[in-house]
Amino acid sequence: MKTAISIPDDVFADAEQLARELKKSRSRLYGDAVREYVARHSAQSITESLDRVCDEVDCRVELARAATRRTFERSDW
């Protein structure tokens, strides 16, 4: 598919240089860049990233503690 976009001159120059270094066409470079951007910013990717962070810092345990604490605070014993 053909499309036209406007980008700043410095971004264009950097992309041209990178395309030459990677021996890729401009179209291929821009296509790869957009594909990577979409993958990185998709909802699933964001969820997976958050899950990885939570696994590292054990968020679920702290969230469960906070929820339990709030429940007890609202309850009459």
C-alpha atoms as a PDB file:
ATOM      1  CA  MET A   1       0.000   0.000   0.000  1.00  0.00           C
ATOM      2  CA  LYS A   2       1.265   3.451  -0.817  1.00  0.00           C
ATOM      3  CA  THR A   3       0.836   6.307   1.604  1.00  0.00           C
ATOM      4  CA  ALA A   4       2.228   9.784   2.174  1.00  0.00           C
ATOM      5  CA  ILE A   5       3.311  11.142   5.537  1.00  0.00           C
ATOM      6  CA  SER A   6       5.006  14.293   6.771  1.00  0.00           C
ATOM      7  CA  ILE A   7       7.900  13.964   9.193  1.00  0.00           C
ATOM      8  CA  PRO A   8      10.506  16.414  10.468  1.00  0.00           C
ATOM      9  CA  ASP A   9      13.609  16.784   8.313  1.00  0.00           C
ATOM     10  CA  ASP A  10      15.927  15.478  11.024  1.00  0.00           C
ATOM     11  CA  VAL A  11      13.842  12.311  11.469  1.00  0.00           C
ATOM     12  CA  PHE A  12      13.888  11.759   7.715  1.00  0.00           C
ATOM     13  CA  ALA A  13      17.669  12.214   7.586  1.00  0.00           C
ATOM     14  CA  ASP A  14      18.194   9.794  10.482  1.00  0.00           C
ATOM     15  CA  ALA A  15      15.913   7.235   8.820  1.00  0.00           C
ATOM     16  CA  GLU A  16      17.743   7.580   5.504  1.00  0.00           C
ATOM     17  CA  GLN A  17      21.073   7.014   7.230  1.00  0.00           C
ATOM     18  CA  LEU A  18      19.765   3.980   9.103  1.00  0.00           C
ATOM     19  CA  ALA A  19      18.230   2.501   5.950  1.00  0.00           C
ATOM     20  CA  ARG A  20      21.617   2.772   4.223  1.00  0.00           C
ATOM     21  CA  GLU A  21      23.425   1.210   7.184  1.00  0.00           C
ATOM     22  CA  LEU A  22      20.937  -1.672   7.363  1.00  0.00           C
ATOM     23  CA  LYS A  23      20.833  -2.012   3.577  1.00  0.00           C
ATOM     24  CA  LYS A  24      17.043  -1.715   3.621  1.00  0.00           C
ATOM     25  CA  SER A  25      14.739   0.254   1.420  1.00  0.00           C
ATOM     26  CA  ARG A  26      13.043   3.271   2.928  1.00  0.00           C
ATOM     27  CA  SER A  27       9.680   1.510   2.602  1.00  0.00           C
ATOM     28  CA  ARG A  28      10.980  -1.547   4.424  1.00  0.00           C
ATOM     29  CA  LEU A  29      12.489   0.563   7.202  1.00  0.00           C
ATOM     30  CA  TYR A  30       9.282   2.524   7.784  1.00  0.00           C
ATOM     31  CA  GLY A  31       7.158  -0.625   7.593  1.00  0.00           C
ATOM     32  CA  ASP A  32       9.359  -2.389  10.137  1.00  0.00           C
ATOM     33  CA  ALA A  33       9.297   0.658  12.407  1.00  0.00           C
ATOM     34  CA  VAL A  34       5.509   0.947  12.361  1.00  0.00           C
ATOM     35  CA  ARG A  35       5.105  -2.796  12.913  1.00  0.00           C
ATOM     36  CA  GLU A  36       7.419  -2.662  15.936  1.00  0.00           C
ATOM     37  CA  TYR A  37       5.653   0.428  17.327  1.00  0.00           C
ATOM     38  CA  VAL A  38       2.227  -1.189  17.018  1.00  0.00           C
ATOM     39  CA  ALA A  39       3.452  -4.378  18.691  1.00  0.00           C
ATOM     40  CA  ARG A  40       5.037  -2.454  21.524  1.00  0.00           C
ATOM     41  CA  HIS A  41       1.946  -0.353  22.161  1.00  0.00           C
ATOM     42  CA  SER A  42      -0.780  -2.937  21.727  1.00  0.00           C
ATOM     43  CA  ALA A  43      -3.012  -3.608  24.723  1.00  0.00           C
ATOM     44  CA  GLN A  44      -1.771  -7.184  24.991  1.00  0.00           C
ATOM     45  CA  SER A  45       1.840  -6.058  25.003  1.00  0.00           C
ATOM     46  CA  ILE A  46       1.121  -3.515  27.726  1.00  0.00           C
ATOM     47  CA  THR A  47      -0.682  -6.129  29.818  1.00  0.00           C
ATOM     48  CA  GLU A  48       2.202  -8.566  29.423  1.00  0.00           C
ATOM     49  CA  SER A  49       4.691  -5.883  30.446  1.00  0.00           C
ATOM     50  CA  LEU A  50       2.678  -5.023  33.547  1.00  0.00           C
ATOM     51  CA  ASP A  51       2.390  -8.706  34.424  1.00  0.00           C
ATOM     52  CA  ARG A  52       6.179  -9.074  34.186  1.00  0.00           C
ATOM     53  CA  VAL A  53       6.693  -6.091  36.475  1.00  0.00           C
ATOM     54  CA  CYS A  54       4.165  -7.426  38.977  1.00  0.00           C
ATOM     55  CA  ASP A  55       5.902 -10.798  38.963  1.00  0.00           C
ATOM     56  CA  GLU A  56       9.192  -9.091  39.747  1.00  0.00           C
ATOM     57  CA  VAL A  57       7.856  -7.010  42.643  1.00  0.00           C
ATOM     58  CA  ASP A  58       5.113  -9.412  43.733  1.00  0.00           C
ATOM     59  CA  CYS A  59       2.302  -6.864  43.270  1.00  0.00           C
ATOM     60  CA  ARG A  60      -0.466  -9.406  43.648  1.00  0.00           C
ATOM     61  CA  VAL A  61       0.412 -10.172  47.234  1.00  0.00           C
ATOM     62  CA  GLU A  62       0.420  -6.495  48.136  1.00  0.00           C
ATOM     63  CA  LEU A  63      -2.840  -5.891  46.254  1.00  0.00           C
ATOM     64  CA  ALA A  64      -4.470  -8.784  48.097  1.00  0.00           C
ATOM     65  CA  ARG A  65      -3.241  -7.429  51.430  1.00  0.00           C
ATOM     66  CA  ALA A  66      -4.610  -3.976  50.653  1.00  0.00           C
ATOM     67  CA  ALA A  67      -7.979  -5.390  49.579  1.00  0.00           C
ATOM     68  CA  THR A  68      -8.187  -7.513  52.720  1.00  0.00           C
ATOM     69  CA  ARG A  69      -7.271  -4.559  54.910  1.00  0.00           C
ATOM     70  CA  ARG A  70      -9.992  -2.397  53.297  1.00  0.00           C
ATOM     71  CA  THR A  71     -12.553  -5.165  53.747  1.00  0.00           C
ATOM     72  CA  PHE A  72     -11.744  -5.531  57.447  1.00  0.00           C
ATOM     73  CA  GLU A  73     -11.806  -1.769  57.975  1.00  0.00           C
ATOM     74  CA  ARG A  74     -15.349  -1.593  56.552  1.00  0.00           C
ATOM     75  CA  SER A  75     -16.632  -4.587  58.517  1.00  0.00           C
ATOM     76  CA  ASP A  76     -18.245  -4.477  61.950  1.00  0.00           C
ATOM     77  CA  TRP A  77     -16.964  -7.223  64.198  1.00  0.00           C
END
